[in-house]
Amino acid sequence: MHATIPINELVPGMFVDSVHKLKSDADVKLKSRGMVRNSAIIAKLEADGVLELNIDIKQSQVPVPAHYLPNSEAHLPTTKNQATTEHSKGDDNEMPLLQSHSSIPTAEVFAAALSQFEVQNKKLQILYGNLLGGEALQLHLVNDISQEIIASVTQNSNVMAILTRLKDKRGFNWRHMINCTILMTIFTKYLGLKPHVVSQMAMAAMLHDIGKSKVPQSILEKATPLTENEKRHWQKHVAHSVAMVKDEKGITPLIVDMIVNHHERIDGSGFPRGLKAEKLSKAARVMAIVDEYATLTTGQAKVAALEPVHALRVLLSNKDKFDEVLVHQFIKCIGVHPVGTIVKLTNDRLGLVMAGNKENPKAPMVRVFYNAKHMHHVTLKDVDLNDSDDIKIIANVKPLDYQINLSRLLQENLLV
């Protein structure tokens, strides 16, 4: 089975069968069918004038976007193929980095994604530290990290969504930057937005709180409620963010709109201008939802983290503040039981949600790891709840209720 896609949708892990369309002045041929191994190959094909390609769906290691599939049929990757294209002479033993969005990621896939995530997180930590030290914002570095995250999400959205569950209270600001960028990329791709729009909205997600580097850290880290004066200083982070980026090359009106309005609410109760629904763009409303969800699910000095399902309920219960249609779309995107959450099953086992199920959101794929009745770990077992009539989810679980360290659990139980 084949699907024809534009060059800007080609990602590593797709198996190219042939070139479908070239620029009128281009002259390039594929000497052999084969797997695209890296982004350099894609850049080369694009530079050579390739506009569209025919993708062999069954031999690809990553899913083709649903709207390009013939008869809307879903794709599950099969076996690895070692053939190469004219521009791809990769190592036959190279580990596949990409995986179907509807399957449980392999240990190798997770390990590779975790390594990339840690590198990206370290880059952001250094960048944010430099800002605290008074250095100017290096926007090209932010853009590079943003593009790396987009590529990682394209490779495996499940793994990247799971990684947003890793906790580090000491690094909330840069963790929030990377988590918002991951969630924004997942959501905008789900909404079917064009790649250049996804890129801008991911960039806005990374930059929206950059102005907090100009707010006294004593205010940001204060464990007790802020005074009115402290609250005004905190709210100025929006103006600081805009001032830091507005004159930089590559900053578009869309990015500025999302930054300046991410704390606005559709009932006019937000800040800095108290705008109401009719004056808020769809992009700004999306940014508000992503920012709020990421904030609620991350522990801070002031407030303990909520489990994802409870954060979603907060969004749903505030219909006067968040766009209700977009909230429902966001929930469909990340799942009723988002990946990375722990659920209790009817057989007294705890399972880690590893992948969602678009056809049946209440029956995701889980990795069973704990006997909740006898309070001990059990041999890991992957269960597709959609195929199990007698095992169902009865509750979402707080890790601390069972003395579980979520970050350690995620790493130890995925690297297997």
Protein backbone atom coordinates (compact mmCIF):
# COMPACT_ATOMS: atom_id res chain seq x y z
CA MET A 1 0.00 0.00 0.00
CA HIS A 2 1.28 3.46 -0.90
CA ALA A 3 0.55 7.04 0.05
CA THR A 4 1.65 10.21 -1.71
CA ILE A 5 2.95 12.94 0.60
CA PRO A 6 4.56 16.37 0.13
CA ILE A 7 8.26 16.68 0.91
CA ASN A 8 7.53 18.75 4.04
CA GLU A 9 5.74 15.75 5.57
CA LEU A 10 8.63 13.35 4.96
CA VAL A 11 10.35 12.23 8.19
CA PRO A 12 13.10 9.74 9.03
CA GLY A 13 11.70 6.21 9.18
CA MET A 14 9.51 6.50 6.09
CA PHE A 15 10.19 4.12 3.21
CA VAL A 16 10.35 5.96 -0.11
CA ASP A 17 9.14 3.98 -3.11
CA SER A 18 9.53 6.68 -5.77
CA VAL A 19 9.41 10.38 -6.53
CA HIS A 20 5.89 11.48 -7.43
CA LYS A 21 6.43 15.13 -8.37
CA LEU A 22 9.43 17.39 -9.05
CA LYS A 23 9.91 21.08 -9.66
CA SER A 24 9.75 21.80 -13.39
CA ASP A 25 13.50 22.44 -13.63
CA ALA A 26 14.59 19.55 -11.41
CA ASP A 27 16.23 16.35 -12.57
CA VAL A 28 16.63 13.76 -9.84
CA LYS A 29 15.92 10.05 -9.74
CA LEU A 30 16.00 7.50 -6.98
CA LYS A 31 18.46 4.75 -7.83
CA SER A 32 16.69 2.42 -5.41
CA ARG A 33 13.71 2.33 -3.12
CA GLY A 34 14.63 2.70 0.52
CA MET A 35 14.39 3.95 4.05
CA VAL A 36 14.98 7.60 4.93
CA ARG A 37 17.54 7.48 7.74
CA ASN A 38 17.97 11.13 8.78
CA SER A 39 16.92 14.73 8.19
CA ALA A 40 19.99 15.43 6.03
CA ILE A 41 18.56 13.11 3.38
CA ILE A 42 15.28 15.01 3.45
CA ALA A 43 17.08 18.35 3.10
CA LYS A 44 19.02 16.99 0.12
CA LEU A 45 15.88 15.74 -1.62
CA GLU A 46 14.17 19.08 -1.05
CA ALA A 47 17.21 20.96 -2.39
CA ASP A 48 17.15 18.73 -5.48
CA GLY A 49 13.62 19.86 -6.27
CA VAL A 50 11.53 16.95 -4.97
CA LEU A 51 7.96 18.10 -4.21
CA GLU A 52 6.06 14.86 -3.55
CA LEU A 53 7.00 11.24 -2.90
CA ASN A 54 5.27 7.89 -2.92
CA ILE A 55 5.67 6.18 0.47
CA ASP A 56 5.49 2.42 0.98
CA ILE A 57 3.28 2.34 4.07
CA LYS A 58 3.93 -1.25 5.13
CA GLN A 59 7.71 -0.93 5.02
CA SER A 60 7.82 2.40 6.84
CA GLN A 61 8.76 2.48 10.51
CA VAL A 62 6.63 5.54 11.26
CA PRO A 63 2.99 6.32 10.53
CA VAL A 64 1.98 8.38 7.53
CA PRO A 65 -0.37 11.25 8.54
CA ALA A 66 -3.91 9.91 8.42
CA HIS A 67 -5.20 12.37 5.80
CA TYR A 68 -2.70 10.98 3.24
CA LEU A 69 -3.71 7.35 3.75
CA PRO A 70 -5.76 5.65 1.04
CA ASN A 71 -9.26 4.94 2.30
CA SER A 72 -8.19 6.36 5.70
CA GLU A 73 -6.58 3.03 6.62
CA ALA A 74 -4.33 3.03 9.67
CA HIS A 75 -0.69 2.06 9.49
CA LEU A 76 1.25 -0.19 11.79
CA PRO A 77 4.96 -0.61 10.97
CA THR A 78 6.13 -4.08 10.07
CA THR A 79 9.69 -5.22 9.57
CA LYS A 80 12.80 -3.19 9.07
CA ASN A 81 14.05 -2.86 5.49
CA GLN A 82 17.72 -2.25 4.82
CA ALA A 83 17.48 -0.73 1.33
CA THR A 84 18.76 2.81 0.77
CA THR A 85 17.88 5.68 -1.51
CA GLU A 86 20.34 7.51 -3.72
CA HIS A 87 20.86 10.01 -0.90
CA SER A 88 20.74 7.44 1.93
CA LYS A 89 23.62 5.05 2.35
CA GLY A 90 23.08 4.50 6.06
CA ASP A 91 24.32 1.77 8.34
CA ASP A 92 22.23 -1.39 7.90
CA ASN A 93 22.51 -2.02 11.62
CA GLU A 94 21.15 1.39 12.53
CA MET A 95 18.49 1.21 15.21
CA PRO A 96 15.04 2.45 14.11
CA LEU A 97 14.35 5.67 15.98
CA LEU A 98 10.70 5.96 15.06
CA GLN A 99 7.61 4.06 16.02
CA SER A 100 3.90 3.91 15.34
CA HIS A 101 1.87 6.30 17.47
CA SER A 102 -0.53 3.50 18.30
CA SER A 103 2.03 1.00 19.60
CA ILE A 104 4.08 0.66 22.77
CA PRO A 105 7.55 2.10 22.20
CA THR A 106 10.43 -0.33 22.38
CA ALA A 107 13.16 0.10 24.98
CA GLU A 108 15.54 1.20 22.23
CA VAL A 109 13.12 3.85 20.99
CA PHE A 110 12.53 5.15 24.50
CA ALA A 111 16.25 5.18 25.32
CA ALA A 112 17.01 7.17 22.17
CA ALA A 113 14.18 9.64 22.86
CA LEU A 114 15.20 10.01 26.51
CA SER A 115 18.76 10.78 25.45
CA GLN A 116 17.53 13.44 23.03
CA PHE A 117 15.20 14.86 25.67
CA GLU A 118 17.98 15.15 28.22
CA VAL A 119 20.20 16.96 25.72
CA GLN A 120 17.39 19.37 24.86
CA ASN A 121 16.63 19.93 28.53
CA LYS A 122 20.28 20.62 29.30
CA LYS A 123 20.48 23.15 26.46
CA LEU A 124 17.42 24.96 27.81
CA GLN A 125 18.77 24.87 31.35
CA ILE A 126 22.00 26.54 30.20
CA LEU A 127 20.13 29.05 28.05
CA TYR A 128 17.80 30.01 30.89
CA GLY A 129 20.71 30.23 33.32
CA ASN A 130 22.46 32.62 30.94
CA LEU A 131 19.34 34.80 30.88
CA LEU A 132 19.29 34.88 34.68
CA GLY A 133 22.90 35.97 34.50
CA GLY A 134 21.97 38.97 32.38
CA GLU A 135 22.95 37.66 28.96
CA ALA A 136 20.86 38.42 25.88
CA LEU A 137 18.44 35.86 24.49
CA GLN A 138 20.04 33.72 21.79
CA LEU A 139 16.98 33.13 19.66
CA HIS A 140 18.74 30.88 17.17
CA LEU A 141 19.43 28.41 20.00
CA VAL A 142 15.77 28.47 21.04
CA ASN A 143 14.76 27.83 17.44
CA ASP A 144 17.20 24.93 17.14
CA ILE A 145 15.84 23.27 20.30
CA SER A 146 12.26 23.87 19.16
CA GLN A 147 12.95 22.20 15.81
CA GLU A 148 14.62 19.26 17.57
CA ILE A 149 11.51 18.79 19.72
CA ILE A 150 9.21 18.94 16.69
CA ALA A 151 11.32 16.24 15.04
CA SER A 152 11.24 14.11 18.20
CA VAL A 153 7.45 14.41 18.48
CA THR A 154 7.10 13.53 14.80
CA GLN A 155 9.21 10.46 15.45
CA ASN A 156 7.21 9.29 18.46
CA SER A 157 4.59 11.44 20.14
CA ASN A 158 3.86 8.80 22.82
CA VAL A 159 7.41 8.76 24.11
CA MET A 160 7.68 12.56 24.14
CA ALA A 161 4.35 12.87 25.95
CA ILE A 162 5.56 10.37 28.56
CA LEU A 163 8.72 12.41 29.08
CA THR A 164 6.67 15.46 30.06
CA ARG A 165 5.73 13.48 33.17
CA LEU A 166 9.32 13.52 34.48
CA LYS A 167 9.55 15.86 37.46
CA ASP A 168 12.20 18.35 38.54
CA LYS A 169 10.83 21.08 40.83
CA ARG A 170 14.16 22.88 40.83
CA GLY A 171 13.99 23.28 37.08
CA PHE A 172 10.34 24.22 36.63
CA ASN A 173 10.97 27.15 34.28
CA TRP A 174 12.98 25.33 31.64
CA ARG A 175 11.03 22.09 32.14
CA HIS A 176 7.87 24.10 31.51
CA MET A 177 9.38 25.48 28.30
CA ILE A 178 10.16 22.03 26.94
CA ASN A 179 6.91 20.43 28.14
CA CYS A 180 4.78 23.17 26.58
CA THR A 181 6.68 22.81 23.31
CA ILE A 182 6.11 19.04 23.29
CA LEU A 183 2.40 19.36 24.10
CA MET A 184 1.93 22.19 21.60
CA THR A 185 3.55 20.15 18.83
CA ILE A 186 1.44 17.09 19.63
CA PHE A 187 -1.77 19.16 19.71
CA THR A 188 -1.15 21.27 16.60
CA LYS A 189 -0.25 18.17 14.60
CA TYR A 190 -3.45 16.55 15.86
CA LEU A 191 -5.39 19.62 14.70
CA GLY A 192 -3.91 19.13 11.24
CA LEU A 193 -2.19 22.51 11.05
CA LYS A 194 0.38 23.10 8.33
CA PRO A 195 4.03 22.42 9.21
CA HIS A 196 5.05 26.09 9.13
CA VAL A 197 2.22 26.93 11.54
CA VAL A 198 3.17 24.02 13.83
CA SER A 199 6.73 25.36 13.82
CA GLN A 200 5.66 28.88 14.81
CA MET A 201 3.29 27.68 17.53
CA ALA A 202 5.96 25.38 18.99
CA MET A 203 8.34 28.33 19.03
CA ALA A 204 5.75 30.45 20.83
CA ALA A 205 5.24 27.68 23.39
CA MET A 206 8.95 27.66 24.13
CA LEU A 207 9.16 31.46 24.41
CA HIS A 208 5.87 32.35 26.11
CA ASP A 209 7.32 32.45 29.65
CA ILE A 210 10.87 33.53 28.81
CA GLY A 211 10.18 36.86 30.54
CA LYS A 212 10.09 35.10 33.92
CA SER A 213 13.86 35.32 33.79
CA LYS A 214 13.37 39.05 34.48
CA VAL A 215 11.07 38.51 37.48
CA PRO A 216 12.72 38.25 40.92
CA GLN A 217 13.31 34.58 41.61
CA SER A 218 12.12 35.09 45.18
CA ILE A 219 8.66 35.78 43.76
CA LEU A 220 8.70 32.80 41.40
CA GLU A 221 9.85 30.44 44.15
CA LYS A 222 7.69 31.80 46.96
CA ALA A 223 5.74 29.00 48.62
CA THR A 224 3.07 31.23 50.19
CA PRO A 225 0.47 33.32 48.32
CA LEU A 226 1.81 36.41 46.56
CA THR A 227 0.98 39.88 47.80
CA GLU A 228 -0.76 42.23 45.39
CA ASN A 229 2.52 43.96 44.66
CA GLU A 230 4.30 40.65 44.07
CA LYS A 231 1.46 39.53 41.81
CA ARG A 232 1.89 42.66 39.67
CA HIS A 233 5.61 41.93 39.35
CA TRP A 234 4.82 38.32 38.39
CA GLN A 235 2.29 39.40 35.75
CA LYS A 236 4.92 41.59 34.13
CA HIS A 237 6.60 38.46 32.80
CA VAL A 238 4.29 38.68 29.80
CA ALA A 239 5.52 42.17 28.88
CA HIS A 240 9.11 41.06 29.53
CA SER A 241 8.68 38.08 27.20
CA VAL A 242 7.32 40.24 24.39
CA ALA A 243 10.06 42.84 24.82
CA MET A 244 12.75 40.15 24.66
CA VAL A 245 11.60 38.66 21.35
CA LYS A 246 9.53 41.16 19.34
CA ASP A 247 12.41 42.68 17.34
CA GLU A 248 14.22 39.40 16.72
CA LYS A 249 14.47 37.96 13.23
CA GLY A 250 12.03 35.10 12.71
CA ILE A 251 9.49 36.29 15.28
CA THR A 252 6.13 36.41 13.50
CA PRO A 253 2.87 38.16 14.49
CA LEU A 254 1.45 34.73 15.35
CA ILE A 255 4.24 34.08 17.86
CA VAL A 256 3.83 37.52 19.46
CA ASP A 257 0.05 37.04 19.65
CA MET A 258 0.44 33.75 21.51
CA ILE A 259 3.01 35.16 23.93
CA VAL A 260 1.13 38.33 24.81
CA ASN A 261 -2.26 36.62 25.19
CA HIS A 262 -1.50 33.25 26.81
CA HIS A 263 -2.89 34.44 30.17
CA GLU A 264 -6.02 36.00 28.68
CA ARG A 265 -9.32 34.19 29.29
CA ILE A 266 -12.42 34.16 27.12
CA ASP A 267 -14.55 35.72 29.89
CA GLY A 268 -12.18 38.72 30.11
CA SER A 269 -10.76 37.75 33.51
CA GLY A 270 -7.20 37.28 32.28
CA PHE A 271 -4.26 39.64 31.89
CA PRO A 272 -2.52 41.81 30.77
CA ARG A 273 -5.43 43.43 28.90
CA GLY A 274 -8.55 41.56 30.00
CA LEU A 275 -9.49 40.60 26.45
CA LYS A 276 -12.66 38.60 25.84
CA ALA A 277 -13.34 35.72 23.45
CA GLU A 278 -14.07 37.75 20.33
CA LYS A 279 -10.64 39.38 20.51
CA LEU A 280 -8.66 36.21 21.17
CA SER A 281 -7.29 34.19 18.26
CA LYS A 282 -7.52 30.42 18.08
CA ALA A 283 -3.74 30.22 18.50
CA ALA A 284 -3.88 32.28 21.72
CA ARG A 285 -6.67 30.03 23.06
CA VAL A 286 -4.61 26.93 22.26
CA MET A 287 -1.61 28.45 24.05
CA ALA A 288 -3.74 29.16 27.13
CA ILE A 289 -4.89 25.53 27.30
CA VAL A 290 -1.44 24.03 26.80
CA ASP A 291 0.16 26.41 29.32
CA GLU A 292 -2.48 25.73 31.97
CA TYR A 293 -2.36 21.95 31.53
CA ALA A 294 1.45 21.87 31.65
CA THR A 295 1.46 24.10 34.75
CA LEU A 296 -1.18 22.07 36.60
CA THR A 297 0.60 18.77 35.96
CA THR A 298 4.02 20.01 37.11
CA GLY A 299 4.85 20.38 40.79
CA GLN A 300 5.94 23.85 41.93
CA ALA A 301 6.83 25.57 45.15
CA LYS A 302 3.34 27.07 45.45
CA VAL A 303 1.12 24.20 44.30
CA ALA A 304 1.43 20.42 44.18
CA ALA A 305 1.11 18.81 40.77
CA LEU A 306 -2.24 17.41 39.67
CA GLU A 307 -2.59 14.10 37.92
CA PRO A 308 -3.36 14.65 34.20
CA VAL A 309 -6.97 13.46 34.49
CA HIS A 310 -7.62 16.03 37.24
CA ALA A 311 -5.93 18.77 35.21
CA LEU A 312 -8.24 17.95 32.32
CA ARG A 313 -11.22 18.21 34.66
CA VAL A 314 -10.03 21.68 35.71
CA LEU A 315 -9.98 22.76 32.08
CA LEU A 316 -13.42 21.25 31.47
CA SER A 317 -14.92 22.88 34.55
CA ASN A 318 -13.72 26.34 33.50
CA LYS A 319 -15.81 26.73 30.34
CA ASP A 320 -15.99 30.45 30.95
CA LYS A 321 -12.21 30.77 30.80
CA PHE A 322 -11.02 28.23 28.21
CA ASP A 323 -12.40 27.53 24.74
CA GLU A 324 -14.67 24.52 25.32
CA VAL A 325 -14.36 23.14 21.78
CA LEU A 326 -10.57 23.30 21.90
CA VAL A 327 -10.50 21.73 25.37
CA HIS A 328 -12.49 18.74 24.09
CA GLN A 329 -10.14 18.46 21.11
CA PHE A 330 -7.15 18.60 23.46
CA ILE A 331 -8.59 15.77 25.56
CA LYS A 332 -9.19 13.68 22.44
CA CYS A 333 -5.62 14.39 21.40
CA ILE A 334 -3.81 13.40 24.60
CA GLY A 335 -6.39 10.85 25.75
CA VAL A 336 -8.84 10.37 28.60
CA HIS A 337 -5.98 8.55 30.31
CA PRO A 338 -2.88 10.37 29.00
CA VAL A 339 0.27 8.35 28.40
CA GLY A 340 2.57 8.34 31.40
CA THR A 341 -0.24 8.14 33.94
CA ILE A 342 -0.80 5.28 36.36
CA VAL A 343 -4.16 3.53 36.42
CA LYS A 344 -5.70 0.92 38.71
CA LEU A 345 -7.30 -2.04 36.97
CA THR A 346 -10.18 -4.29 37.95
CA ASN A 347 -7.76 -7.13 38.72
CA ASP A 348 -6.05 -5.08 41.49
CA ARG A 349 -3.05 -4.34 39.31
CA LEU A 350 -1.50 -0.96 38.54
CA GLY A 351 -0.56 -0.18 34.98
CA LEU A 352 1.40 2.58 33.30
CA VAL A 353 -0.44 3.98 30.27
CA MET A 354 1.92 3.51 27.33
CA ALA A 355 -0.22 4.37 24.32
CA GLY A 356 -3.71 5.67 23.68
CA ASN A 357 -6.55 4.18 21.67
CA LYS A 358 -8.28 6.66 19.37
CA GLU A 359 -11.16 4.30 18.65
CA ASN A 360 -11.75 3.52 22.34
CA PRO A 361 -10.12 6.22 24.54
CA LYS A 362 -11.10 4.41 27.75
CA ALA A 363 -9.10 1.33 26.75
CA PRO A 364 -5.46 2.35 26.22
CA MET A 365 -2.42 0.09 26.12
CA VAL A 366 -0.88 -0.30 29.58
CA ARG A 367 2.21 -1.88 31.09
CA VAL A 368 1.19 -3.74 34.26
CA PHE A 369 3.90 -3.49 36.93
CA TYR A 370 2.37 -3.62 40.44
CA ASN A 371 0.02 -5.68 42.60
CA ALA A 372 -2.04 -3.07 44.45
CA LYS A 373 -3.65 -5.63 46.77
CA HIS A 374 -0.43 -7.13 48.11
CA MET A 375 1.68 -3.97 47.56
CA HIS A 376 4.55 -5.38 45.52
CA HIS A 377 5.96 -5.14 42.02
CA VAL A 378 5.13 -7.87 39.53
CA THR A 379 6.63 -9.10 36.28
CA LEU A 380 6.03 -6.49 33.60
CA LYS A 381 3.26 -7.31 31.16
CA ASP A 382 1.84 -5.22 28.31
CA VAL A 383 -1.95 -5.33 28.04
CA ASP A 384 -4.14 -3.87 25.31
CA LEU A 385 -7.29 -3.09 27.27
CA ASN A 386 -9.24 -2.85 24.03
CA ASP A 387 -8.70 -6.60 23.57
CA SER A 388 -9.50 -7.49 27.17
CA ASP A 389 -13.15 -7.94 28.16
CA ASP A 390 -12.47 -8.68 31.84
CA ILE A 391 -9.81 -6.05 32.65
CA LYS A 392 -10.78 -2.39 32.75
CA ILE A 393 -9.58 0.85 34.31
CA ILE A 394 -11.37 1.74 37.54
CA ALA A 395 -9.33 4.75 38.67
CA ASN A 396 -6.37 7.00 38.03
CA VAL A 397 -3.72 6.70 40.73
CA LYS A 398 -1.41 9.18 42.40
CA PRO A 399 2.06 7.62 42.44
CA LEU A 400 2.71 8.71 46.03
CA ASP A 401 -0.35 6.79 47.23
CA TYR A 402 1.71 3.67 46.59
CA GLN A 403 5.10 5.21 47.42
CA ILE A 404 6.00 5.21 43.74
CA ASN A 405 8.60 7.61 42.36
CA LEU A 406 7.09 8.46 38.96
CA SER A 407 10.31 9.62 37.31
CA ARG A 408 12.17 6.49 38.40
CA LEU A 409 9.21 4.32 37.39
CA LEU A 410 9.06 5.84 33.92
CA GLN A 411 12.74 5.32 33.27
CA GLU A 412 13.09 1.87 34.84
CA ASN A 413 9.93 0.45 33.35
CA LEU A 414 10.44 1.78 29.84
CA LEU A 415 14.09 0.84 29.45
CA VAL A 416 13.20 -2.85 29.36
